[in-house]
PDB file of N, CA and C in Angstrom:
ATOM      1  N   MET A   1      23.613   4.083   4.765  1.00  0.00           N
ATOM      2  CA  MET A   1      22.738   2.792   4.428  1.00  0.00           C
ATOM      3  C   MET A   1      22.974   2.437   6.044  1.00  0.00           C
ATOM      4  N   ASN A   2      22.262   1.573   6.206  1.00  0.00           N
ATOM      5  CA  ASN A   2      21.938   0.705   7.307  1.00  0.00           C
ATOM      6  C   ASN A   2      22.698  -0.406   7.391  1.00  0.00           C
ATOM      7  N   LYS A   3      23.374  -1.223   8.108  1.00  0.00           N
ATOM      8  CA  LYS A   3      23.975  -2.043   8.275  1.00  0.00           C
ATOM      9  C   LYS A   3      23.211  -3.512   9.207  1.00  0.00           C
ATOM     10  N   LYS A   4      21.956  -3.589   9.341  1.00  0.00           N
ATOM     11  CA  LYS A   4      21.118  -4.730  10.030  1.00  0.00           C
ATOM     12  C   LYS A   4      20.667  -4.947   8.543  1.00  0.00           C
ATOM     13  N   LEU A   5      20.662  -6.372   8.933  1.00  0.00           N
ATOM     14  CA  LEU A   5      19.532  -7.196   7.353  1.00  0.00           C
ATOM     15  C   LEU A   5      18.754  -8.250   7.920  1.00  0.00           C
ATOM     16  N   TYR A   6      17.710  -8.016   6.920  1.00  0.00           N
ATOM     17  CA  TYR A   6      16.583  -8.926   7.201  1.00  0.00           C
ATOM     18  C   TYR A   6      16.915 -10.097   6.205  1.00  0.00           C
ATOM     19  N   VAL A   7      16.828 -11.489   6.813  1.00  0.00           N
ATOM     20  CA  VAL A   7      17.357 -12.639   6.010  1.00  0.00           C
ATOM     21  C   VAL A   7      15.809 -13.693   6.510  1.00  0.00           C
ATOM     22  N   GLY A   8      14.881 -13.610   4.845  1.00  0.00           N
ATOM     23  CA  GLY A   8      13.795 -14.441   4.967  1.00  0.00           C
ATOM     24  C   GLY A   8      14.012 -15.720   3.909  1.00  0.00           C
ATOM     25  N   ASN A   9      12.989 -16.621   3.934  1.00  0.00           N
ATOM     26  CA  ASN A   9      12.965 -17.773   3.727  1.00  0.00           C
ATOM     27  C   ASN A   9      14.323 -18.770   4.151  1.00  0.00           C
ATOM     28  N   LEU A  10      14.432 -18.805   5.018  1.00  0.00           N
ATOM     29  CA  LEU A  10      15.560 -19.352   5.610  1.00  0.00           C
ATOM     30  C   LEU A  10      14.624 -20.997   5.571  1.00  0.00           C
ATOM     31  N   PRO A  11      16.216 -22.095   5.963  1.00  0.00           N
ATOM     32  CA  PRO A  11      15.522 -23.513   6.407  1.00  0.00           C
ATOM     33  C   PRO A  11      15.104 -23.675   7.774  1.00  0.00           C
ATOM     34  N   TYR A  12      13.935 -24.156   7.975  1.00  0.00           N
ATOM     35  CA  TYR A  12      13.388 -24.301   9.687  1.00  0.00           C
ATOM     36  C   TYR A  12      15.015 -24.967  10.598  1.00  0.00           C
ATOM     37  N   THR A  13      15.890 -25.307   9.436  1.00  0.00           N
ATOM     38  CA  THR A  13      17.017 -25.981  10.597  1.00  0.00           C
ATOM     39  C   THR A  13      18.129 -25.240  10.752  1.00  0.00           C
ATOM     40  N   THR A  14      17.786 -23.699  10.439  1.00  0.00           N
ATOM     41  CA  THR A  14      18.814 -22.746  10.052  1.00  0.00           C
ATOM     42  C   THR A  14      19.375 -22.276  11.758  1.00  0.00           C
ATOM     43  N   THR A  15      19.922 -22.234  12.199  1.00  0.00           N
ATOM     44  CA  THR A  15      20.279 -21.648  13.655  1.00  0.00           C
ATOM     45  C   THR A  15      21.125 -20.064  13.373  1.00  0.00           C
ATOM     46  N   ALA A  16      21.418 -19.507  14.758  1.00  0.00           N
ATOM     47  CA  ALA A  16      21.887 -18.174  14.924  1.00  0.00           C
ATOM     48  C   ALA A  16      23.214 -18.688  14.549  1.00  0.00           C
ATOM     49  N   ASP A  17      24.321 -19.141  14.647  1.00  0.00           N
ATOM     50  CA  ASP A  17      25.326 -19.546  14.425  1.00  0.00           C
ATOM     51  C   ASP A  17      25.525 -19.615  12.933  1.00  0.00           C
ATOM     52  N   ASP A  18      24.699 -20.707  12.564  1.00  0.00           N
ATOM     53  CA  ASP A  18      24.801 -20.873  11.271  1.00  0.00           C
ATOM     54  C   ASP A  18      24.816 -19.869  10.557  1.00  0.00           C
ATOM     55  N   LEU A  19      23.873 -19.072  10.601  1.00  0.00           N
ATOM     56  CA  LEU A  19      23.351 -17.573   9.908  1.00  0.00           C
ATOM     57  C   LEU A  19      24.811 -16.733   9.920  1.00  0.00           C
ATOM     58  N   LYS A  20      25.347 -16.547  11.180  1.00  0.00           N
ATOM     59  CA  LYS A  20      26.697 -15.766  11.517  1.00  0.00           C
ATOM     60  C   LYS A  20      27.857 -16.445  10.492  1.00  0.00           C
ATOM     61  N   ALA A  21      27.714 -17.655  10.530  1.00  0.00           N
ATOM     62  CA  ALA A  21      28.486 -18.307   9.612  1.00  0.00           C
ATOM     63  C   ALA A  21      28.755 -18.109   8.630  1.00  0.00           C
ATOM     64  N   MET A  22      27.334 -18.397   8.189  1.00  0.00           N
ATOM     65  CA  MET A  22      27.475 -18.199   6.324  1.00  0.00           C
ATOM     66  C   MET A  22      27.808 -16.499   5.396  1.00  0.00           C
ATOM     67  N   PHE A  23      27.222 -15.337   6.926  1.00  0.00           N
ATOM     68  CA  PHE A  23      27.169 -14.327   6.540  1.00  0.00           C
ATOM     69  C   PHE A  23      28.866 -13.801   6.871  1.00  0.00           C
ATOM     70  N   ALA A  24      29.534 -14.473   7.179  1.00  0.00           N
ATOM     71  CA  ALA A  24      30.879 -13.813   7.646  1.00  0.00           C
ATOM     72  C   ALA A  24      31.734 -14.224   6.696  1.00  0.00           C
ATOM     73  N   GLU A  25      31.477 -14.963   5.473  1.00  0.00           N
ATOM     74  CA  GLU A  25      32.131 -14.948   4.392  1.00  0.00           C
ATOM     75  C   GLU A  25      32.223 -13.438   3.456  1.00  0.00           C
ATOM     76  N   ALA A  26      30.663 -12.288   4.248  1.00  0.00           N
ATOM     77  CA  ALA A  26      30.696 -10.960   3.474  1.00  0.00           C
ATOM     78  C   ALA A  26      31.316 -10.211   4.633  1.00  0.00           C
ATOM     79  N   GLY A  27      32.211 -10.441   5.495  1.00  0.00           N
ATOM     80  CA  GLY A  27      32.422  -9.516   6.670  1.00  0.00           C
ATOM     81  C   GLY A  27      32.230 -10.043   7.976  1.00  0.00           C
ATOM     82  N   THR A  28      32.648  -8.814   8.453  1.00  0.00           N
ATOM     83  CA  THR A  28      32.589  -8.887  10.163  1.00  0.00           C
ATOM     84  C   THR A  28      30.625  -9.153  10.605  1.00  0.00           C
ATOM     85  N   VAL A  29      30.468 -10.117  10.965  1.00  0.00           N
ATOM     86  CA  VAL A  29      29.162  -9.998  11.448  1.00  0.00           C
ATOM     87  C   VAL A  29      28.897  -9.655  13.348  1.00  0.00           C
ATOM     88  N   GLU A  30      28.479  -8.163  13.278  1.00  0.00           N
ATOM     89  CA  GLU A  30      28.087  -8.164  15.008  1.00  0.00           C
ATOM     90  C   GLU A  30      27.086  -8.898  15.655  1.00  0.00           C
ATOM     91  N   SER A  31      25.914  -9.560  14.508  1.00  0.00           N
ATOM     92  CA  SER A  31      25.096  -9.832  15.438  1.00  0.00           C
ATOM     93  C   SER A  31      24.452 -11.091  14.510  1.00  0.00           C
ATOM     94  N   SER A  32      23.407 -12.006  14.997  1.00  0.00           N
ATOM     95  CA  SER A  32      22.803 -12.877  14.134  1.00  0.00           C
ATOM     96  C   SER A  32      21.712 -13.506  14.947  1.00  0.00           C
ATOM     97  N   ALA A  33      20.550 -13.587  14.601  1.00  0.00           N
ATOM     98  CA  ALA A  33      19.062 -14.315  14.960  1.00  0.00           C
ATOM     99  C   ALA A  33      18.287 -14.587  14.572  1.00  0.00           C
ATOM    100  N   VAL A  34      17.515 -15.743  14.617  1.00  0.00           N
ATOM    101  CA  VAL A  34      16.715 -16.356  14.240  1.00  0.00           C
ATOM    102  C   VAL A  34      15.680 -16.662  14.691  1.00  0.00           C
ATOM    103  N   ILE A  35      14.747 -15.914  14.753  1.00  0.00           N
ATOM    104  CA  ILE A  35      13.547 -15.935  14.914  1.00  0.00           C
ATOM    105  C   ILE A  35      12.467 -16.664  15.051  1.00  0.00           C
ATOM    106  N   THR A  36      12.448 -16.801  16.288  1.00  0.00           N
ATOM    107  CA  THR A  36      11.370 -18.347  16.956  1.00  0.00           C
ATOM    108  C   THR A  36      10.182 -18.220  17.310  1.00  0.00           C
ATOM    109  N   ASP A  37       9.474 -18.832  17.312  1.00  0.00           N
ATOM    110  CA  ASP A  37       7.766 -19.011  17.851  1.00  0.00           C
ATOM    111  C   ASP A  37       8.152 -19.167  19.603  1.00  0.00           C
ATOM    112  N   LYS A  38       7.354 -18.378  20.282  1.00  0.00           N
ATOM    113  CA  LYS A  38       7.662 -18.270  21.529  1.00  0.00           C
ATOM    114  C   LYS A  38       7.256 -19.464  22.492  1.00  0.00           C
ATOM    115  N   PHE A  39       6.070 -20.050  21.517  1.00  0.00           N
ATOM    116  CA  PHE A  39       5.634 -21.243  22.512  1.00  0.00           C
ATOM    117  C   PHE A  39       6.257 -22.419  21.984  1.00  0.00           C
ATOM    118  N   SER A  40       6.405 -22.626  20.880  1.00  0.00           N
ATOM    119  CA  SER A  40       7.025 -24.165  20.194  1.00  0.00           C
ATOM    120  C   SER A  40       8.804 -24.145  19.916  1.00  0.00           C
ATOM    121  N   GLY A  41       9.338 -22.394  19.934  1.00  0.00           N
ATOM    122  CA  GLY A  41      10.603 -22.912  20.038  1.00  0.00           C
ATOM    123  C   GLY A  41      11.232 -23.302  18.593  1.00  0.00           C
ATOM    124  N   ARG A  42      10.383 -22.941  17.749  1.00  0.00           N
ATOM    125  CA  ARG A  42      10.424 -23.720  16.155  1.00  0.00           C
ATOM    126  C   ARG A  42      10.857 -22.004  15.632  1.00  0.00           C
ATOM    127  N   SER A  43      11.746 -22.186  14.403  1.00  0.00           N
ATOM    128  CA  SER A  43      12.435 -21.222  13.891  1.00  0.00           C
ATOM    129  C   SER A  43      10.927 -20.771  12.832  1.00  0.00           C
ATOM    130  N   LYS A  44      10.809 -19.619  12.903  1.00  0.00           N
ATOM    131  CA  LYS A  44       9.995 -19.110  12.197  1.00  0.00           C
ATOM    132  C   LYS A  44      10.394 -18.753  10.690  1.00  0.00           C
ATOM    133  N   GLY A  45      11.181 -19.401  10.260  1.00  0.00           N
ATOM    134  CA  GLY A  45      12.197 -18.857   8.760  1.00  0.00           C
ATOM    135  C   GLY A  45      12.663 -17.548   8.790  1.00  0.00           C
ATOM    136  N   PHE A  46      12.681 -16.584   9.416  1.00  0.00           N
ATOM    137  CA  PHE A  46      13.490 -15.508   8.958  1.00  0.00           C
ATOM    138  C   PHE A  46      14.222 -15.068  10.117  1.00  0.00           C
ATOM    139  N   GLY A  47      15.252 -14.105  10.049  1.00  0.00           N
ATOM    140  CA  GLY A  47      16.012 -14.092  10.920  1.00  0.00           C
ATOM    141  C   GLY A  47      16.406 -12.645  10.709  1.00  0.00           C
ATOM    142  N   PHE A  48      17.621 -12.217  11.518  1.00  0.00           N
ATOM    143  CA  PHE A  48      18.512 -10.807  11.467  1.00  0.00           C
ATOM    144  C   PHE A  48      19.752 -10.619  11.407  1.00  0.00           C
ATOM    145  N   VAL A  49      20.850  -9.988  10.374  1.00  0.00           N
ATOM    146  CA  VAL A  49      22.315  -9.857  10.572  1.00  0.00           C
ATOM    147  C   VAL A  49      22.735  -8.993  10.644  1.00  0.00           C
ATOM    148  N   GLU A  50      23.392  -8.331  11.721  1.00  0.00           N
ATOM    149  CA  GLU A  50      23.858  -6.973  11.580  1.00  0.00           C
ATOM    150  C   GLU A  50      25.488  -6.861  11.380  1.00  0.00           C
ATOM    151  N   MET A  51      26.112  -6.620  10.363  1.00  0.00           N
ATOM    152  CA  MET A  51      27.202  -6.666   9.635  1.00  0.00           C
ATOM    153  C   MET A  51      27.647  -5.212  10.437  1.00  0.00           C
ATOM    154  N   SER A  52      29.127  -5.065  10.372  1.00  0.00           N
ATOM    155  CA  SER A  52      30.011  -3.950  10.698  1.00  0.00           C
ATOM    156  C   SER A  52      30.043  -2.766   9.975  1.00  0.00           C
ATOM    157  N   SER A  53      29.561  -2.786   8.781  1.00  0.00           N
ATOM    158  CA  SER A  53      29.850  -1.463   8.092  1.00  0.00           C
ATOM    159  C   SER A  53      28.662  -1.616   6.891  1.00  0.00           C
ATOM    160  N   ALA A  54      28.050  -0.908   6.617  1.00  0.00           N
ATOM    161  CA  ALA A  54      27.251  -0.418   5.407  1.00  0.00           C
ATOM    162  C   ALA A  54      27.527  -1.203   4.332  1.00  0.00           C
ATOM    163  N   GLU A  55      28.924  -0.955   4.469  1.00  0.00           N
ATOM    164  CA  GLU A  55      29.659  -1.665   2.757  1.00  0.00           C
ATOM    165  C   GLU A  55      29.766  -3.056   2.616  1.00  0.00           C
ATOM    166  N   GLU A  56      29.924  -3.926   4.180  1.00  0.00           N
ATOM    167  CA  GLU A  56      29.599  -5.391   3.910  1.00  0.00           C
ATOM    168  C   GLU A  56      28.393  -5.568   3.830  1.00  0.00           C
ATOM    169  N   ALA A  57      27.376  -4.836   4.678  1.00  0.00           N
ATOM    170  CA  ALA A  57      26.310  -5.048   4.287  1.00  0.00           C
ATOM    171  C   ALA A  57      25.810  -5.182   2.844  1.00  0.00           C
ATOM    172  N   GLU A  58      26.060  -4.726   1.844  1.00  0.00           N
ATOM    173  CA  GLU A  58      25.466  -4.269   0.706  1.00  0.00           C
ATOM    174  C   GLU A  58      26.263  -5.429   0.017  1.00  0.00           C
ATOM    175  N   LYS A  59      27.230  -5.815   0.510  1.00  0.00           N
ATOM    176  CA  LYS A  59      28.332  -6.752  -0.113  1.00  0.00           C
ATOM    177  C   LYS A  59      27.312  -7.827   0.556  1.00  0.00           C
ATOM    178  N   ALA A  60      26.904  -8.222   1.441  1.00  0.00           N
ATOM    179  CA  ALA A  60      26.144  -9.873   1.652  1.00  0.00           C
ATOM    180  C   ALA A  60      24.967  -9.876   1.080  1.00  0.00           C
ATOM    181  N   ILE A  61      24.327  -8.767   0.850  1.00  0.00           N
ATOM    182  CA  ILE A  61      22.766  -8.396  -0.050  1.00  0.00           C
ATOM    183  C   ILE A  61      23.026  -9.082  -1.605  1.00  0.00           C
ATOM    184  N   GLN A  62      24.398  -8.787  -1.856  1.00  0.00           N
ATOM    185  CA  GLN A  62      24.732  -9.102  -3.231  1.00  0.00           C
ATOM    186  C   GLN A  62      25.099 -10.829  -3.281  1.00  0.00           C
ATOM    187  N   MET A  63      25.741 -10.878  -2.371  1.00  0.00           N
ATOM    188  CA  MET A  63      26.200 -12.715  -1.960  1.00  0.00           C
ATOM    189  C   MET A  63      24.777 -13.256  -1.734  1.00  0.00           C
ATOM    190  N   PHE A  64      24.266 -12.911  -1.172  1.00  0.00           N
ATOM    191  CA  PHE A  64      22.956 -14.098  -0.782  1.00  0.00           C
ATOM    192  C   PHE A  64      21.804 -13.923  -0.781  1.00  0.00           C
ATOM    193  N   ASN A  65      21.329 -12.586  -1.782  1.00  0.00           N
ATOM    194  CA  ASN A  65      19.653 -12.341  -2.012  1.00  0.00           C
ATOM    195  C   ASN A  65      19.561 -13.559  -3.321  1.00  0.00           C
ATOM    196  N   GLN A  66      18.522 -14.324  -3.255  1.00  0.00           N
ATOM    197  CA  GLN A  66      18.252 -15.499  -3.977  1.00  0.00           C
ATOM    198  C   GLN A  66      19.141 -16.302  -4.081  1.00  0.00           C
ATOM    199  N   LYS A  67      20.257 -16.160  -3.255  1.00  0.00           N
ATOM    200  CA  LYS A  67      20.835 -17.559  -2.865  1.00  0.00           C
ATOM    201  C   LYS A  67      20.053 -18.774  -2.422  1.00  0.00           C
ATOM    202  N   GLU A  68      20.426 -19.924  -2.830  1.00  0.00           N
ATOM    203  CA  GLU A  68      19.697 -20.984  -2.975  1.00  0.00           C
ATOM    204  C   GLU A  68      20.437 -21.656  -1.243  1.00  0.00           C
ATOM    205  N   VAL A  69      19.534 -22.007  -0.592  1.00  0.00           N
ATOM    206  CA  VAL A  69      20.000 -22.441   0.684  1.00  0.00           C
ATOM    207  C   VAL A  69      19.207 -23.963   1.052  1.00  0.00           C
ATOM    208  N   GLU A  70      19.596 -25.072   0.989  1.00  0.00           N
ATOM    209  CA  GLU A  70      18.802 -26.309   1.207  1.00  0.00           C
ATOM    210  C   GLU A  70      17.183 -26.230   0.404  1.00  0.00           C
ATOM    211  N   GLY A  71      17.442 -25.935  -1.037  1.00  0.00           N
ATOM    212  CA  GLY A  71      16.351 -25.578  -1.776  1.00  0.00           C
ATOM    213  C   GLY A  71      15.382 -24.716  -1.652  1.00  0.00           C
ATOM    214  N   ARG A  72      15.724 -23.411  -0.866  1.00  0.00           N
ATOM    215  CA  ARG A  72      14.943 -22.165  -0.442  1.00  0.00           C
ATOM    216  C   ARG A  72      15.749 -21.550  -0.781  1.00  0.00           C
ATOM    217  N   LYS A  73      15.054 -20.152  -1.687  1.00  0.00           N
ATOM    218  CA  LYS A  73      16.239 -19.149  -2.114  1.00  0.00           C
ATOM    219  C   LYS A  73      15.942 -17.955  -1.134  1.00  0.00           C
ATOM    220  N   LEU A  74      16.844 -17.804  -0.376  1.00  0.00           N
ATOM    221  CA  LEU A  74      16.989 -16.586   0.705  1.00  0.00           C
ATOM    222  C   LEU A  74      16.215 -15.120  -0.120  1.00  0.00           C
ATOM    223  N   THR A  75      15.997 -14.071   0.769  1.00  0.00           N
ATOM    224  CA  THR A  75      15.652 -12.746   0.582  1.00  0.00           C
ATOM    225  C   THR A  75      16.440 -11.821   1.485  1.00  0.00           C
ATOM    226  N   VAL A  76      17.148 -11.628   1.192  1.00  0.00           N
ATOM    227  CA  VAL A  76      18.239 -10.435   2.090  1.00  0.00           C
ATOM    228  C   VAL A  76      17.875  -9.058   1.496  1.00  0.00           C
ATOM    229  N   ASN A  77      17.795  -8.398   2.334  1.00  0.00           N
ATOM    230  CA  ASN A  77      17.404  -7.030   2.503  1.00  0.00           C
ATOM    231  C   ASN A  77      17.612  -6.059   3.311  1.00  0.00           C
ATOM    232  N   ILE A  78      17.904  -4.688   3.398  1.00  0.00           N
ATOM    233  CA  ILE A  78      18.101  -3.799   4.740  1.00  0.00           C
ATOM    234  C   ILE A  78      16.803  -3.878   5.392  1.00  0.00           C
ATOM    235  N   ALA A  79      16.781  -4.360   7.021  1.00  0.00           N
ATOM    236  CA  ALA A  79      16.002  -4.440   7.502  1.00  0.00           C
ATOM    237  C   ALA A  79      15.219  -3.000   7.846  1.00  0.00           C
ATOM    238  N   LYS A  80      13.990  -3.509   8.024  1.00  0.00           N
ATOM    239  CA  LYS A  80      13.261  -1.921   8.171  1.00  0.00           C
ATOM    240  C   LYS A  80      13.253  -1.767   9.895  1.00  0.00           C
ATOM    241  N   PRO A  81      13.056  -0.234  10.239  1.00  0.00           N
ATOM    242  CA  PRO A  81      12.881  -0.130  11.827  1.00  0.00           C
ATOM    243  C   PRO A  81      12.045  -0.686  12.369  1.00  0.00           C
ATOM    244  N   LYS A  82      11.811  -1.534  13.549  1.00  0.00           N
ATOM    245  CA  LYS A  82      10.864  -2.226  14.502  1.00  0.00           C
ATOM    246  C   LYS A  82       9.996  -1.211  14.545  1.00  0.00           C
ATOM    247  N   GLU A  83       8.301  -1.491  14.285  1.00  0.00           N
ATOM    248  CA  GLU A  83       7.378  -0.347  14.613  1.00  0.00           C
ATOM    249  C   GLU A  83       6.930  -0.513  15.896  1.00  0.00           C
ATOM    250  N   ASP A  84       6.460   0.361  16.481  1.00  0.00           N
ATOM    251  CA  ASP A  84       5.688   0.493  17.715  1.00  0.00           C
ATOM    252  C   ASP A  84       4.703  -0.096  17.674  1.00  0.00           C
ATOM    253  N   ARG A  85       4.501  -1.138  18.499  1.00  0.00           N
ATOM    254  CA  ARG A  85       3.080  -1.917  17.874  1.00  0.00           C
ATOM    255  C   ARG A  85       1.971  -1.255  18.934  1.00  0.00           C
ATOM    256  N   GLY A  86       2.435  -0.651  20.209  1.00  0.00           N
ATOM    257  CA  GLY A  86       1.287   0.033  20.888  1.00  0.00           C
ATOM    258  C   GLY A  86       0.482  -0.761  21.434  1.00  0.00           C
ATOM    259  N   ASP A  87      -0.508  -0.292  21.950  1.00  0.00           N
ATOM    260  CA  ASP A  87      -1.230  -1.140  22.901  1.00  0.00           C
ATOM    261  C   ASP A  87      -2.228  -1.993  21.991  1.00  0.00           C
ATOM    262  N   ARG A  88      -2.016  -3.369  22.027  1.00  0.00           N
ATOM    263  CA  ARG A  88      -2.538  -4.468  21.242  1.00  0.00           C
ATOM    264  C   ARG A  88      -4.112  -4.330  21.543  1.00  0.00           C
ATOM    265  N   GLY A  89      -4.455  -4.117  23.268  1.00  0.00           N
ATOM    266  CA  GLY A  89      -6.204  -4.689  23.391  1.00  0.00           C
ATOM    267  C   GLY A  89      -6.214  -5.574  24.580  1.00  0.00           C
ATOM    268  N   PHE A  90      -5.036  -6.494  24.672  1.00  0.00           N
ATOM    269  CA  PHE A  90      -5.254  -7.725  25.462  1.00  0.00           C
ATOM    270  C   PHE A  90      -4.940  -7.124  27.150  1.00  0.00           C
ATOM    271  N   GLY A  91      -5.885  -7.788  27.896  1.00  0.00           N
ATOM    272  CA  GLY A  91      -5.707  -7.551  29.498  1.00  0.00           C
ATOM    273  C   GLY A  91      -6.336  -6.353  29.677  1.00  0.00           C
ATOM    274  N   GLY A  92      -5.909  -5.748  31.225  1.00  0.00           N
ATOM    275  CA  GLY A  92      -6.531  -4.416  31.485  1.00  0.00           C
ATOM    276  C   GLY A  92      -7.887  -4.072  31.605  1.00  0.00           C
ATOM    277  N   GLY A  93      -8.414  -3.238  32.088  1.00  0.00           N
ATOM    278  CA  GLY A  93     -10.014  -3.062  32.005  1.00  0.00           C
ATOM    279  C   GLY A  93     -10.522  -3.318  33.250  1.00  0.00           C
ATOM    280  N   ASN A  94     -11.726  -4.282  33.219  1.00  0.00           N
ATOM    281  CA  ASN A  94     -12.340  -4.426  34.195  1.00  0.00           C
ATOM    282  C   ASN A  94     -12.378  -5.811  34.754  1.00  0.00           C
ATOM    283  N   GLY A  95     -11.332  -6.859  34.425  1.00  0.00           N
ATOM    284  CA  GLY A  95     -10.989  -8.104  34.812  1.00  0.00           C
ATOM    285  C   GLY A  95     -11.885  -8.933  34.254  1.00  0.00           C
ATOM    286  N   GLY A  96     -12.181  -8.764  33.343  1.00  0.00           N
ATOM    287  CA  GLY A  96     -13.171  -9.590  32.243  1.00  0.00           C
ATOM    288  C   GLY A  96     -14.929  -9.915  32.658  1.00  0.00           C
ATOM    289  N   GLY A  97     -15.118  -9.416  33.268  1.00  0.00           N
ATOM    290  CA  GLY A  97     -16.327  -9.482  33.520  1.00  0.00           C
ATOM    291  C   GLY A  97     -17.078 -10.369  35.343  1.00  0.00           C
ATOM    292  N   TYR A  98     -15.417 -10.974  35.481  1.00  0.00           N
ATOM    293  CA  TYR A  98     -15.713 -12.235  36.512  1.00  0.00           C
ATOM    294  C   TYR A  98     -15.423 -11.256  37.875  1.00  0.00           C
ATOM    295  N   ASN A  99     -16.439 -11.386  39.197  1.00  0.00           N
ATOM    296  CA  ASN A  99     -16.316 -10.962  40.054  1.00  0.00           C
ATOM    297  C   ASN A  99     -16.009  -9.405  40.342  1.00  0.00           C
ATOM    298  N   ARG A 100     -17.332  -8.842  39.931  1.00  0.00           N
ATOM    299  CA  ARG A 100     -17.770  -7.438  39.620  1.00  0.00           C
ATOM    300  C   ARG A 100     -17.915  -6.767  41.181  1.00  0.00           C
ATOM    301  N   GLY A 101     -17.549  -7.296  42.120  1.00  0.00           N
ATOM    302  CA  GLY A 101     -17.457  -6.429  43.326  1.00  0.00           C
ATOM    303  C   GLY A 101     -18.916  -6.658  44.158  1.00  0.00           C
ATOM    304  N   TYR A 102     -19.330  -8.370  43.356  1.00  0.00           N
ATOM    305  CA  TYR A 102     -20.587  -8.848  44.190  1.00  0.00           C
ATOM    306  C   TYR A 102     -20.466  -9.747  45.500  1.00  0.00           C
TER     307      TYR A 102
END
């Protein structure tokens, strides 16, 4: 079992430190992160926590999945591996049609 957890439906005010402190109740937290919008810096309402063992990760799921925090029910489960998004089709090519050697 993996020890990295996805934590969804977080209150938008939650910080990585808040997440770490909350999940420390289930065991040793190796890392925590709240995902933010790269332009506004505002939380996207989800994050990741890595526990020190699979057993602690399972305990955290039992403790926090569906737990209400600031009026929002958390979703906590094993994080899926990050998918390779490949070439997303931006940039490259002929420079967008401007200044084609004229």
